[in-house]
Amino acid sequence: MSVNALYTDLSDYYDLMCADIDYQTQSHCIHRLQQLLGNAGTRHLDLACGTGPHVRHFIDSGYTSSGLDINQPMLDKAAIRCPQARFSLQDMCGFTVSEPLDLITCFLYSIHYSGAIERLKACIASVHAALDVDGLFCFNVVDKGKIDNRLLATHTAKHAEGLFTFSSGWHYAGEGEQQSLKLSIEKATAAETQLWHDEHPMVAVGFAELQALLQPYFAVHVLEHDYEKIIPWDGASGNALFACVKI
């Protein structure tokens, strides 16, 4: 399969694949950060928005919310979920907006989909250009130096079409600017079991390197990857939440 084939072909199952994600808690945490660190404005854009669950929560919290993604089937479903929002088929590494924004988010480690350091730089520059004064850019990220290639996250979900098992894990070879996200989806029915595998090339970056890329554009706050608390990163964990205020 190509890089985006699995997400496009299985867009009907995307929400099932993410059924264990607490979108409301994640969205509320970023709302709190916007009040604490940002300009408290309500013009919002979600990068790599998928089917729009985060956009839905921001709308419900009073934001004028929008989303972009590179997969049209995802955006079609997002438009049904959030008819009030505007969605656009754009690359987060080179997007434009019609008016300045107060808050830009990128959830579910999707910042890594930039794929390479130069494209990550382009994403950061695009975000900075799109934000208004004191606008906030929030995303979660994994440090390449702390990836354990043995770890997998797995969950199952029942569906009318069968029992689905979703597995994902990071893999980093130990050098270079690319890591991968390995995915597998198993669909089991009484008659048969089907299995899809895919591997997505992702940008590999360390937190110190990432902060250096961000600092010409933003005041950078590195926080623990805990959406129920707002506390500074402990310097040890391999996952973090970055909250970046435009300068």
C-alpha atoms as a PDB file:
ATOM      1  CA  MET A   1       0.000   0.000   0.000  1.00  0.00           C
ATOM      2  CA  SER A   2       1.057   3.588  -0.498  1.00  0.00           C
ATOM      3  CA  VAL A   3       1.621   5.906   2.445  1.00  0.00           C
ATOM      4  CA  ASN A   4      -1.960   7.164   2.561  1.00  0.00           C
ATOM      5  CA  ALA A   5      -3.778   4.187   1.069  1.00  0.00           C
ATOM      6  CA  LEU A   6      -4.746   2.571   4.333  1.00  0.00           C
ATOM      7  CA  TYR A   7      -6.174   5.771   5.788  1.00  0.00           C
ATOM      8  CA  THR A   8      -8.062   6.551   2.577  1.00  0.00           C
ATOM      9  CA  ASP A   9      -9.369   3.066   1.871  1.00  0.00           C
ATOM     10  CA  LEU A  10     -10.351   2.446   5.494  1.00  0.00           C
ATOM     11  CA  SER A  11     -11.701   5.894   6.290  1.00  0.00           C
ATOM     12  CA  ASP A  12     -14.975   4.239   7.266  1.00  0.00           C
ATOM     13  CA  TYR A  13     -13.091   2.547  10.119  1.00  0.00           C
ATOM     14  CA  TYR A  14     -10.964   5.503  11.223  1.00  0.00           C
ATOM     15  CA  ASP A  15     -13.212   6.459  14.133  1.00  0.00           C
ATOM     16  CA  LEU A  16     -13.285   2.837  15.234  1.00  0.00           C
ATOM     17  CA  MET A  17      -9.492   2.736  15.107  1.00  0.00           C
ATOM     18  CA  CYS A  18      -9.401   5.779  17.407  1.00  0.00           C
ATOM     19  CA  ALA A  19     -12.245   4.671  19.677  1.00  0.00           C
ATOM     20  CA  ASP A  20     -10.030   4.673  22.779  1.00  0.00           C
ATOM     21  CA  ILE A  21      -8.987   8.315  22.379  1.00  0.00           C
ATOM     22  CA  ASP A  22     -10.486  10.854  24.799  1.00  0.00           C
ATOM     23  CA  TYR A  23     -11.015  13.688  22.332  1.00  0.00           C
ATOM     24  CA  GLN A  24     -12.932  15.798  24.825  1.00  0.00           C
ATOM     25  CA  THR A  25     -10.162  15.771  27.440  1.00  0.00           C
ATOM     26  CA  GLN A  26      -7.523  16.522  24.828  1.00  0.00           C
ATOM     27  CA  SER A  27      -9.513  19.417  23.396  1.00  0.00           C
ATOM     28  CA  HIS A  28     -10.307  20.859  26.827  1.00  0.00           C
ATOM     29  CA  CYS A  29      -6.622  20.778  27.793  1.00  0.00           C
ATOM     30  CA  ILE A  30      -5.674  22.826  24.744  1.00  0.00           C
ATOM     31  CA  HIS A  31      -8.533  25.218  25.461  1.00  0.00           C
ATOM     32  CA  ARG A  32      -7.048  25.759  28.935  1.00  0.00           C
ATOM     33  CA  LEU A  33      -3.608  26.360  27.436  1.00  0.00           C
ATOM     34  CA  GLN A  34      -5.093  28.903  25.044  1.00  0.00           C
ATOM     35  CA  GLN A  35      -6.538  30.753  28.036  1.00  0.00           C
ATOM     36  CA  LEU A  36      -3.296  30.528  30.042  1.00  0.00           C
ATOM     37  CA  LEU A  37      -0.630  31.035  27.385  1.00  0.00           C
ATOM     38  CA  GLY A  38      -2.270  32.204  24.178  1.00  0.00           C
ATOM     39  CA  ASN A  39      -4.338  35.228  23.242  1.00  0.00           C
ATOM     40  CA  ALA A  40      -7.620  33.615  24.380  1.00  0.00           C
ATOM     41  CA  GLY A  41      -9.051  34.031  20.873  1.00  0.00           C
ATOM     42  CA  THR A  42     -11.415  31.485  19.345  1.00  0.00           C
ATOM     43  CA  ARG A  43     -10.345  31.228  15.690  1.00  0.00           C
ATOM     44  CA  HIS A  44      -9.058  27.662  15.464  1.00  0.00           C
ATOM     45  CA  LEU A  45      -7.523  25.342  12.857  1.00  0.00           C
ATOM     46  CA  ASP A  46      -6.804  21.638  13.361  1.00  0.00           C
ATOM     47  CA  LEU A  47      -4.009  20.237  11.190  1.00  0.00           C
ATOM     48  CA  ALA A  48      -4.407  16.636   9.989  1.00  0.00           C
ATOM     49  CA  CYS A  49      -7.951  16.812  11.322  1.00  0.00           C
ATOM     50  CA  GLY A  50      -9.079  13.390  10.082  1.00  0.00           C
ATOM     51  CA  THR A  51     -12.835  12.964  10.499  1.00  0.00           C
ATOM     52  CA  GLY A  52     -13.063  16.048  12.697  1.00  0.00           C
ATOM     53  CA  PRO A  53     -13.621  14.825  16.292  1.00  0.00           C
ATOM     54  CA  HIS A  54     -11.381  17.491  17.816  1.00  0.00           C
ATOM     55  CA  VAL A  55     -12.976  20.171  15.638  1.00  0.00           C
ATOM     56  CA  ARG A  56     -16.378  19.065  16.962  1.00  0.00           C
ATOM     57  CA  HIS A  57     -15.291  19.612  20.572  1.00  0.00           C
ATOM     58  CA  PHE A  58     -13.789  23.023  19.841  1.00  0.00           C
ATOM     59  CA  ILE A  59     -17.008  24.134  18.129  1.00  0.00           C
ATOM     60  CA  ASP A  60     -18.984  22.944  21.137  1.00  0.00           C
ATOM     61  CA  SER A  61     -16.675  25.047  23.336  1.00  0.00           C
ATOM     62  CA  GLY A  62     -17.452  28.222  21.377  1.00  0.00           C
ATOM     63  CA  TYR A  63     -14.630  28.268  18.836  1.00  0.00           C
ATOM     64  CA  THR A  64     -14.891  29.095  15.164  1.00  0.00           C
ATOM     65  CA  SER A  65     -13.126  25.934  14.149  1.00  0.00           C
ATOM     66  CA  SER A  66     -11.774  24.597  10.866  1.00  0.00           C
ATOM     67  CA  GLY A  67      -9.635  21.694   9.716  1.00  0.00           C
ATOM     68  CA  LEU A  68      -7.324  20.548   6.981  1.00  0.00           C
ATOM     69  CA  ASP A  69      -6.147  17.145   5.869  1.00  0.00           C
ATOM     70  CA  ILE A  70      -4.628  15.516   2.784  1.00  0.00           C
ATOM     71  CA  ASN A  71      -7.285  12.784   2.577  1.00  0.00           C
ATOM     72  CA  GLN A  72     -10.586  13.816   1.024  1.00  0.00           C
ATOM     73  CA  PRO A  73     -12.609  10.832   2.374  1.00  0.00           C
ATOM     74  CA  MET A  74     -11.671  11.951   5.890  1.00  0.00           C
ATOM     75  CA  LEU A  75     -12.742  15.507   5.147  1.00  0.00           C
ATOM     76  CA  ASP A  76     -16.061  14.340   3.717  1.00  0.00           C
ATOM     77  CA  LYS A  77     -16.841  12.637   7.026  1.00  0.00           C
ATOM     78  CA  ALA A  78     -15.577  15.648   8.990  1.00  0.00           C
ATOM     79  CA  ALA A  79     -17.997  17.908   7.102  1.00  0.00           C
ATOM     80  CA  ILE A  80     -20.906  15.669   8.119  1.00  0.00           C
ATOM     81  CA  ARG A  81     -19.777  15.673  11.753  1.00  0.00           C
ATOM     82  CA  CYS A  82     -19.156  19.431  11.811  1.00  0.00           C
ATOM     83  CA  PRO A  83     -21.365  21.202   9.247  1.00  0.00           C
ATOM     84  CA  GLN A  84     -20.512  24.572  10.830  1.00  0.00           C
ATOM     85  CA  ALA A  85     -16.786  24.173  10.124  1.00  0.00           C
ATOM     86  CA  ARG A  86     -14.734  24.808   7.019  1.00  0.00           C
ATOM     87  CA  PHE A  87     -12.491  21.990   5.853  1.00  0.00           C
ATOM     88  CA  SER A  88      -9.819  22.143   3.186  1.00  0.00           C
ATOM     89  CA  LEU A  89      -7.708  19.621   1.320  1.00  0.00           C
ATOM     90  CA  GLN A  90      -4.239  20.987   2.064  1.00  0.00           C
ATOM     91  CA  ASP A  91      -0.780  19.847   3.097  1.00  0.00           C
ATOM     92  CA  MET A  92       0.097  21.057   6.593  1.00  0.00           C
ATOM     93  CA  CYS A  93       3.639  21.729   5.341  1.00  0.00           C
ATOM     94  CA  GLY A  94       2.467  24.445   2.976  1.00  0.00           C
ATOM     95  CA  PHE A  95      -1.013  25.672   3.796  1.00  0.00           C
ATOM     96  CA  THR A  96      -2.639  29.097   3.637  1.00  0.00           C
ATOM     97  CA  VAL A  97      -5.576  30.642   5.508  1.00  0.00           C
ATOM     98  CA  SER A  98      -7.949  33.450   4.603  1.00  0.00           C
ATOM     99  CA  GLU A  99      -7.611  35.264   7.933  1.00  0.00           C
ATOM    100  CA  PRO A 100      -5.285  35.110  10.964  1.00  0.00           C
ATOM    101  CA  LEU A 101      -5.943  32.396  13.529  1.00  0.00           C
ATOM    102  CA  ASP A 102      -5.676  32.354  17.303  1.00  0.00           C
ATOM    103  CA  LEU A 103      -5.063  28.652  17.831  1.00  0.00           C
ATOM    104  CA  ILE A 104      -3.618  25.891  15.652  1.00  0.00           C
ATOM    105  CA  THR A 105      -3.573  22.292  16.861  1.00  0.00           C
ATOM    106  CA  CYS A 106      -2.079  19.055  15.591  1.00  0.00           C
ATOM    107  CA  PHE A 107      -3.151  16.046  17.646  1.00  0.00           C
ATOM    108  CA  LEU A 108      -2.298  12.322  17.658  1.00  0.00           C
ATOM    109  CA  TYR A 109       1.404  12.834  16.829  1.00  0.00           C
ATOM    110  CA  SER A 110       0.366  13.934  13.351  1.00  0.00           C
ATOM    111  CA  ILE A 111       3.166  16.538  13.245  1.00  0.00           C
ATOM    112  CA  HIS A 112       5.402  13.561  12.378  1.00  0.00           C
ATOM    113  CA  TYR A 113       3.541  13.165   9.065  1.00  0.00           C
ATOM    114  CA  SER A 114       5.632  16.068   7.787  1.00  0.00           C
ATOM    115  CA  GLY A 115       8.046  13.231   6.990  1.00  0.00           C
ATOM    116  CA  ALA A 116      11.374  15.086   6.812  1.00  0.00           C
ATOM    117  CA  ILE A 117      13.124  17.903   8.648  1.00  0.00           C
ATOM    118  CA  GLU A 118      12.827  20.363   5.759  1.00  0.00           C
ATOM    119  CA  ARG A 119       9.103  19.719   5.540  1.00  0.00           C
ATOM    120  CA  LEU A 120       8.793  20.055   9.316  1.00  0.00           C
ATOM    121  CA  LYS A 121      10.482  23.449   9.028  1.00  0.00           C
ATOM    122  CA  ALA A 122       7.969  24.386   6.326  1.00  0.00           C
ATOM    123  CA  CYS A 123       5.098  23.310   8.563  1.00  0.00           C
ATOM    124  CA  ILE A 124       6.398  25.460  11.425  1.00  0.00           C
ATOM    125  CA  ALA A 125       6.778  28.460   9.091  1.00  0.00           C
ATOM    126  CA  SER A 126       3.254  27.960   7.700  1.00  0.00           C
ATOM    127  CA  VAL A 127       1.799  27.815  11.203  1.00  0.00           C
ATOM    128  CA  HIS A 128       3.653  30.967  12.265  1.00  0.00           C
ATOM    129  CA  ALA A 129       2.421  32.848   9.195  1.00  0.00           C
ATOM    130  CA  ALA A 130      -1.179  31.770   9.858  1.00  0.00           C
ATOM    131  CA  LEU A 131      -1.309  32.804  13.525  1.00  0.00           C
ATOM    132  CA  ASP A 132      -2.297  36.190  14.871  1.00  0.00           C
ATOM    133  CA  VAL A 133      -0.301  38.025  17.536  1.00  0.00           C
ATOM    134  CA  ASP A 134       0.272  35.781  20.582  1.00  0.00           C
ATOM    135  CA  GLY A 135      -1.448  32.912  18.781  1.00  0.00           C
ATOM    136  CA  LEU A 136      -0.845  29.417  20.117  1.00  0.00           C
ATOM    137  CA  PHE A 137       0.401  26.296  18.320  1.00  0.00           C
ATOM    138  CA  CYS A 138      -0.110  23.011  20.224  1.00  0.00           C
ATOM    139  CA  PHE A 139       0.935  19.504  19.191  1.00  0.00           C
ATOM    140  CA  ASN A 140       2.200  16.273  20.691  1.00  0.00           C
ATOM    141  CA  VAL A 141       5.413  14.599  19.615  1.00  0.00           C
ATOM    142  CA  VAL A 142       7.715  11.673  20.354  1.00  0.00           C
ATOM    143  CA  ASP A 143      11.489  12.007  20.872  1.00  0.00           C
ATOM    144  CA  LYS A 144      13.353   9.795  18.391  1.00  0.00           C
ATOM    145  CA  GLY A 145      16.036   8.989  20.978  1.00  0.00           C
ATOM    146  CA  LYS A 146      13.518   7.500  23.392  1.00  0.00           C
ATOM    147  CA  ILE A 147      11.577   5.214  21.040  1.00  0.00           C
ATOM    148  CA  ASP A 148      11.359   1.592  22.115  1.00  0.00           C
ATOM    149  CA  ASN A 149      10.899  -0.425  18.919  1.00  0.00           C
ATOM    150  CA  ARG A 150       9.435  -3.318  20.913  1.00  0.00           C
ATOM    151  CA  LEU A 151       6.382  -1.432  22.172  1.00  0.00           C
ATOM    152  CA  LEU A 152       2.963  -1.748  20.547  1.00  0.00           C
ATOM    153  CA  ALA A 153      -0.351  -0.162  21.451  1.00  0.00           C
ATOM    154  CA  THR A 154      -3.300  -2.477  20.799  1.00  0.00           C
ATOM    155  CA  HIS A 155      -7.034  -2.228  21.291  1.00  0.00           C
ATOM    156  CA  THR A 156     -10.109  -4.043  20.026  1.00  0.00           C
ATOM    157  CA  ALA A 157     -13.515  -2.712  19.053  1.00  0.00           C
ATOM    158  CA  LYS A 158     -16.761  -4.385  18.085  1.00  0.00           C
ATOM    159  CA  HIS A 159     -18.477  -3.306  14.899  1.00  0.00           C
ATOM    160  CA  ALA A 160     -21.447  -4.536  12.904  1.00  0.00           C
ATOM    161  CA  GLU A 161     -18.977  -5.909  10.368  1.00  0.00           C
ATOM    162  CA  GLY A 162     -16.940  -7.877  12.913  1.00  0.00           C
ATOM    163  CA  LEU A 163     -14.366  -7.613  15.686  1.00  0.00           C
ATOM    164  CA  PHE A 164     -11.498  -5.254  14.888  1.00  0.00           C
ATOM    165  CA  THR A 165      -8.044  -5.302  16.468  1.00  0.00           C
ATOM    166  CA  PHE A 166      -5.838  -2.269  15.899  1.00  0.00           C
ATOM    167  CA  SER A 167      -2.108  -2.217  16.646  1.00  0.00           C
ATOM    168  CA  SER A 168       0.464   0.530  16.181  1.00  0.00           C
ATOM    169  CA  GLY A 169       4.054   1.147  17.174  1.00  0.00           C
ATOM    170  CA  TRP A 170       6.963   3.481  16.487  1.00  0.00           C
ATOM    171  CA  HIS A 171      10.187   2.231  14.949  1.00  0.00           C
ATOM    172  CA  TYR A 172      13.462   4.153  14.710  1.00  0.00           C
ATOM    173  CA  ALA A 173      16.659   2.696  13.281  1.00  0.00           C
ATOM    174  CA  GLY A 174      18.850   4.812  15.569  1.00  0.00           C
ATOM    175  CA  GLU A 175      20.081   7.351  13.044  1.00  0.00           C
ATOM    176  CA  GLY A 176      18.750   9.707  10.403  1.00  0.00           C
ATOM    177  CA  GLU A 177      15.704  11.938  10.182  1.00  0.00           C
ATOM    178  CA  GLN A 178      13.079   9.313   9.497  1.00  0.00           C
ATOM    179  CA  GLN A 179      11.190   6.922  11.726  1.00  0.00           C
ATOM    180  CA  SER A 180       8.105   4.892  10.909  1.00  0.00           C
ATOM    181  CA  LEU A 181       4.690   4.222  12.335  1.00  0.00           C
ATOM    182  CA  LYS A 182       3.770   0.580  11.865  1.00  0.00           C
ATOM    183  CA  LEU A 183       0.048  -0.180  11.751  1.00  0.00           C
ATOM    184  CA  SER A 184      -1.994  -3.335  11.525  1.00  0.00           C
ATOM    185  CA  ILE A 185      -5.752  -3.817  11.428  1.00  0.00           C
ATOM    186  CA  GLU A 186      -7.391  -7.202  11.846  1.00  0.00           C
ATOM    187  CA  LYS A 187     -11.054  -7.722  11.030  1.00  0.00           C
ATOM    188  CA  ALA A 188     -12.503 -10.997  12.291  1.00  0.00           C
ATOM    189  CA  THR A 189     -15.914 -12.406  11.408  1.00  0.00           C
ATOM    190  CA  ALA A 190     -17.404 -15.858  11.781  1.00  0.00           C
ATOM    191  CA  ALA A 191     -16.456 -16.602   8.193  1.00  0.00           C
ATOM    192  CA  GLU A 192     -12.947 -15.168   7.852  1.00  0.00           C
ATOM    193  CA  THR A 193     -10.184 -12.990   9.234  1.00  0.00           C
ATOM    194  CA  GLN A 194      -8.686 -10.171   7.177  1.00  0.00           C
ATOM    195  CA  LEU A 195      -5.433  -8.392   8.025  1.00  0.00           C
ATOM    196  CA  TRP A 196      -4.039  -5.096   6.727  1.00  0.00           C
ATOM    197  CA  HIS A 197      -0.496  -3.897   7.327  1.00  0.00           C
ATOM    198  CA  ASP A 198       0.897  -0.477   6.594  1.00  0.00           C
ATOM    199  CA  GLU A 199       4.008   1.496   7.460  1.00  0.00           C
ATOM    200  CA  HIS A 200       3.999   5.274   7.408  1.00  0.00           C
ATOM    201  CA  PRO A 201       7.283   7.181   7.006  1.00  0.00           C
ATOM    202  CA  MET A 202       7.503   9.874   9.693  1.00  0.00           C
ATOM    203  CA  VAL A 203       9.986  12.590  10.565  1.00  0.00           C
ATOM    204  CA  ALA A 204      12.332  11.646  13.415  1.00  0.00           C
ATOM    205  CA  VAL A 205      13.344  14.490  15.691  1.00  0.00           C
ATOM    206  CA  GLY A 206      14.696  14.946  19.200  1.00  0.00           C
ATOM    207  CA  PHE A 207      13.144  17.442  21.592  1.00  0.00           C
ATOM    208  CA  ALA A 208      16.269  19.642  21.744  1.00  0.00           C
ATOM    209  CA  GLU A 209      16.425  19.762  17.946  1.00  0.00           C
ATOM    210  CA  LEU A 210      12.708  20.515  17.741  1.00  0.00           C
ATOM    211  CA  GLN A 211      12.964  23.368  20.230  1.00  0.00           C
ATOM    212  CA  ALA A 212      15.778  24.863  18.152  1.00  0.00           C
ATOM    213  CA  LEU A 213      13.549  24.740  15.050  1.00  0.00           C
ATOM    214  CA  LEU A 214      10.669  26.408  16.888  1.00  0.00           C
ATOM    215  CA  GLN A 215      12.478  29.118  18.846  1.00  0.00           C
ATOM    216  CA  PRO A 216      12.972  31.611  15.980  1.00  0.00           C
ATOM    217  CA  TYR A 217       9.169  31.751  15.705  1.00  0.00           C
ATOM    218  CA  PHE A 218       7.747  30.901  19.117  1.00  0.00           C
ATOM    219  CA  ALA A 219       8.146  31.035  22.870  1.00  0.00           C
ATOM    220  CA  VAL A 220       8.188  27.286  23.511  1.00  0.00           C
ATOM    221  CA  HIS A 221       6.674  25.488  26.510  1.00  0.00           C
ATOM    222  CA  VAL A 222       7.358  21.748  26.754  1.00  0.00           C
ATOM    223  CA  LEU A 223       4.784  19.960  28.908  1.00  0.00           C
ATOM    224  CA  GLU A 224       4.201  16.450  30.136  1.00  0.00           C
ATOM    225  CA  HIS A 225       2.058  14.377  27.795  1.00  0.00           C
ATOM    226  CA  ASP A 226      -0.882  14.368  30.208  1.00  0.00           C
ATOM    227  CA  TYR A 227      -4.052  16.060  29.005  1.00  0.00           C
ATOM    228  CA  GLU A 228      -5.561  16.020  32.498  1.00  0.00           C
ATOM    229  CA  LYS A 229      -2.750  18.103  34.004  1.00  0.00           C
ATOM    230  CA  ILE A 230      -0.671  21.043  32.848  1.00  0.00           C
ATOM    231  CA  ILE A 231       2.823  20.405  34.183  1.00  0.00           C
ATOM    232  CA  PRO A 232       6.325  20.923  32.758  1.00  0.00           C
ATOM    233  CA  TRP A 233       8.000  18.060  30.930  1.00  0.00           C
ATOM    234  CA  ASP A 234      10.176  16.079  33.328  1.00  0.00           C
ATOM    235  CA  GLY A 235      13.043  15.783  30.857  1.00  0.00           C
ATOM    236  CA  ALA A 236      12.882  11.995  30.904  1.00  0.00           C
ATOM    237  CA  SER A 237       9.731  10.836  29.125  1.00  0.00           C
ATOM    238  CA  GLY A 238       9.762  10.282  25.380  1.00  0.00           C
ATOM    239  CA  ASN A 239       6.383  11.916  24.746  1.00  0.00           C
ATOM    240  CA  ALA A 240       5.594  15.577  25.266  1.00  0.00           C
ATOM    241  CA  LEU A 241       3.043  18.263  24.545  1.00  0.00           C
ATOM    242  CA  PHE A 242       4.479  21.396  22.939  1.00  0.00           C
ATOM    243  CA  ALA A 243       2.663  24.699  23.496  1.00  0.00           C
ATOM    244  CA  CYS A 244       4.195  27.435  21.330  1.00  0.00           C
ATOM    245  CA  VAL A 245       3.251  31.126  21.500  1.00  0.00           C
ATOM    246  CA  LYS A 246       3.923  33.226  18.407  1.00  0.00           C
ATOM    247  CA  ILE A 247       6.580  35.903  18.798  1.00  0.00           C
END
